[in-house]
Amino acid sequence: MFDNLSMNISASGLAANQLWLNVIANNIANVNLTTQMVDLIQATRAYQANATAFDAAKQMAVTALSIGK
Protein backbone atom coordinates (compact mmCIF):
# COMPACT_ATOMS: atom_id res chain seq x y z
CA MET A 1 0.00 0.00 0.00
CA PHE A 2 2.70 2.50 1.02
CA ASP A 3 5.62 0.99 -0.88
CA ASN A 4 6.91 4.35 -2.09
CA LEU A 5 7.64 5.48 1.50
CA SER A 6 10.71 3.26 1.65
CA MET A 7 12.42 4.83 -1.37
CA ASN A 8 16.01 5.87 -0.93
CA ILE A 9 16.35 9.66 -0.68
CA SER A 10 19.52 9.77 -2.75
CA ALA A 11 17.75 7.83 -5.50
CA SER A 12 14.95 10.36 -5.74
CA GLY A 13 17.25 13.36 -5.47
CA LEU A 14 14.43 15.63 -4.36
CA ALA A 15 15.16 15.90 -0.64
CA ALA A 16 18.84 16.75 -1.09
CA ASN A 17 18.06 19.45 -3.66
CA GLN A 18 15.30 20.87 -1.46
CA LEU A 19 17.67 21.02 1.52
CA TRP A 20 20.27 22.89 -0.55
CA LEU A 21 17.62 25.38 -1.72
CA ASN A 22 16.54 25.96 1.89
CA VAL A 23 20.15 26.73 2.87
CA ILE A 24 20.48 29.17 -0.02
CA ALA A 25 17.13 30.81 0.78
CA ASN A 26 18.08 31.26 4.44
CA ASN A 27 21.37 32.90 3.49
CA ILE A 28 19.75 35.20 0.92
CA ALA A 29 17.06 36.33 3.36
CA ASN A 30 19.70 38.14 5.44
CA VAL A 31 17.56 37.88 8.57
CA ASN A 32 19.07 37.60 12.03
CA LEU A 33 16.78 35.06 13.69
CA THR A 34 18.06 35.88 17.19
CA THR A 35 17.19 39.56 16.81
CA GLN A 36 13.80 38.72 15.35
CA MET A 37 13.01 36.34 18.24
CA VAL A 38 14.05 38.92 20.84
CA ASP A 39 11.86 41.53 19.14
CA LEU A 40 8.95 39.08 19.11
CA ILE A 41 9.34 38.34 22.83
CA GLN A 42 9.51 42.06 23.62
CA ALA A 43 6.38 42.75 21.58
CA THR A 44 4.55 39.88 23.29
CA ARG A 45 5.46 41.14 26.76
CA ALA A 46 4.47 44.71 25.86
CA TYR A 47 1.11 43.42 24.62
CA GLN A 48 0.61 41.45 27.84
CA ALA A 49 1.47 44.51 29.95
CA ASN A 50 -0.97 46.67 27.99
CA ALA A 51 -3.71 44.06 28.32
CA THR A 52 -3.13 43.91 32.09
CA ALA A 53 -3.26 47.71 32.36
CA PHE A 54 -6.48 47.78 30.35
CA ASP A 55 -8.05 45.14 32.61
CA ALA A 56 -7.04 47.16 35.69
CA ALA A 57 -8.57 50.33 34.23
CA LYS A 58 -11.73 48.43 33.38
CA GLN A 59 -11.96 47.03 36.92
CA MET A 60 -11.48 50.53 38.39
CA ALA A 61 -14.28 51.86 36.18
CA VAL A 62 -16.60 49.04 37.25
CA THR A 63 -15.76 49.70 40.91
CA ALA A 64 -16.38 53.44 40.47
CA LEU A 65 -19.75 52.75 38.88
CA SER A 66 -20.72 50.35 41.68
CA ILE A 67 -19.86 52.99 44.32
CA GLY A 68 -22.32 55.38 42.71
CA LYS A 69 -25.26 52.98 43.12
C-alpha atoms as a PDB file:
ATOM      1  CA  MET A   1       0.000   0.000   0.000  1.00  0.00           C
ATOM      2  CA  PHE A   2       2.703   2.503   1.016  1.00  0.00           C
ATOM      3  CA  ASP A   3       5.616   0.989  -0.881  1.00  0.00           C
ATOM      4  CA  ASN A   4       6.913   4.347  -2.086  1.00  0.00           C
ATOM      5  CA  LEU A   5       7.636   5.479   1.499  1.00  0.00           C
ATOM      6  CA  SER A   6      10.705   3.264   1.655  1.00  0.00           C
ATOM      7  CA  MET A   7      12.423   4.833  -1.373  1.00  0.00           C
ATOM      8  CA  ASN A   8      16.013   5.869  -0.926  1.00  0.00           C
ATOM      9  CA  ILE A   9      16.352   9.661  -0.681  1.00  0.00           C
ATOM     10  CA  SER A  10      19.523   9.773  -2.753  1.00  0.00           C
ATOM     11  CA  ALA A  11      17.745   7.825  -5.501  1.00  0.00           C
ATOM     12  CA  SER A  12      14.948  10.358  -5.740  1.00  0.00           C
ATOM     13  CA  GLY A  13      17.247  13.362  -5.474  1.00  0.00           C
ATOM     14  CA  LEU A  14      14.430  15.634  -4.357  1.00  0.00           C
ATOM     15  CA  ALA A  15      15.165  15.897  -0.643  1.00  0.00           C
ATOM     16  CA  ALA A  16      18.838  16.747  -1.094  1.00  0.00           C
ATOM     17  CA  ASN A  17      18.062  19.446  -3.658  1.00  0.00           C
ATOM     18  CA  GLN A  18      15.302  20.871  -1.463  1.00  0.00           C
ATOM     19  CA  LEU A  19      17.665  21.017   1.522  1.00  0.00           C
ATOM     20  CA  TRP A  20      20.267  22.889  -0.548  1.00  0.00           C
ATOM     21  CA  LEU A  21      17.616  25.377  -1.725  1.00  0.00           C
ATOM     22  CA  ASN A  22      16.544  25.960   1.887  1.00  0.00           C
ATOM     23  CA  VAL A  23      20.152  26.727   2.869  1.00  0.00           C
ATOM     24  CA  ILE A  24      20.484  29.174  -0.016  1.00  0.00           C
ATOM     25  CA  ALA A  25      17.129  30.807   0.782  1.00  0.00           C
ATOM     26  CA  ASN A  26      18.082  31.261   4.440  1.00  0.00           C
ATOM     27  CA  ASN A  27      21.370  32.904   3.485  1.00  0.00           C
ATOM     28  CA  ILE A  28      19.752  35.197   0.922  1.00  0.00           C
ATOM     29  CA  ALA A  29      17.056  36.329   3.356  1.00  0.00           C
ATOM     30  CA  ASN A  30      19.696  38.140   5.443  1.00  0.00           C
ATOM     31  CA  VAL A  31      17.565  37.877   8.573  1.00  0.00           C
ATOM     32  CA  ASN A  32      19.066  37.599  12.030  1.00  0.00           C
ATOM     33  CA  LEU A  33      16.782  35.061  13.695  1.00  0.00           C
ATOM     34  CA  THR A  34      18.060  35.878  17.188  1.00  0.00           C
ATOM     35  CA  THR A  35      17.187  39.561  16.806  1.00  0.00           C
ATOM     36  CA  GLN A  36      13.801  38.724  15.353  1.00  0.00           C
ATOM     37  CA  MET A  37      13.011  36.340  18.237  1.00  0.00           C
ATOM     38  CA  VAL A  38      14.050  38.924  20.845  1.00  0.00           C
ATOM     39  CA  ASP A  39      11.859  41.529  19.135  1.00  0.00           C
ATOM     40  CA  LEU A  40       8.952  39.075  19.107  1.00  0.00           C
ATOM     41  CA  ILE A  41       9.340  38.336  22.825  1.00  0.00           C
ATOM     42  CA  GLN A  42       9.508  42.058  23.625  1.00  0.00           C
ATOM     43  CA  ALA A  43       6.381  42.748  21.583  1.00  0.00           C
ATOM     44  CA  THR A  44       4.552  39.882  23.291  1.00  0.00           C
ATOM     45  CA  ARG A  45       5.462  41.139  26.756  1.00  0.00           C
ATOM     46  CA  ALA A  46       4.471  44.705  25.861  1.00  0.00           C
ATOM     47  CA  TYR A  47       1.112  43.421  24.621  1.00  0.00           C
ATOM     48  CA  GLN A  48       0.608  41.448  27.836  1.00  0.00           C
ATOM     49  CA  ALA A  49       1.467  44.512  29.946  1.00  0.00           C
ATOM     50  CA  ASN A  50      -0.975  46.672  27.986  1.00  0.00           C
ATOM     51  CA  ALA A  51      -3.711  44.058  28.320  1.00  0.00           C
ATOM     52  CA  THR A  52      -3.133  43.908  32.087  1.00  0.00           C
ATOM     53  CA  ALA A  53      -3.255  47.712  32.357  1.00  0.00           C
ATOM     54  CA  PHE A  54      -6.477  47.782  30.349  1.00  0.00           C
ATOM     55  CA  ASP A  55      -8.046  45.145  32.608  1.00  0.00           C
ATOM     56  CA  ALA A  56      -7.038  47.159  35.695  1.00  0.00           C
ATOM     57  CA  ALA A  57      -8.569  50.333  34.232  1.00  0.00           C
ATOM     58  CA  LYS A  58     -11.732  48.427  33.384  1.00  0.00           C
ATOM     59  CA  GLN A  59     -11.958  47.027  36.918  1.00  0.00           C
ATOM     60  CA  MET A  60     -11.482  50.529  38.390  1.00  0.00           C
ATOM     61  CA  ALA A  61     -14.280  51.861  36.185  1.00  0.00           C
ATOM     62  CA  VAL A  62     -16.600  49.039  37.246  1.00  0.00           C
ATOM     63  CA  THR A  63     -15.759  49.703  40.906  1.00  0.00           C
ATOM     64  CA  ALA A  64     -16.376  53.441  40.473  1.00  0.00           C
ATOM     65  CA  LEU A  65     -19.752  52.746  38.884  1.00  0.00           C
ATOM     66  CA  SER A  66     -20.725  50.353  41.676  1.00  0.00           C
ATOM     67  CA  ILE A  67     -19.857  52.989  44.315  1.00  0.00           C
ATOM     68  CA  GLY A  68     -22.323  55.385  42.714  1.00  0.00           C
ATOM     69  CA  LYS A  69     -25.258  52.979  43.118  1.00  0.00           C
END
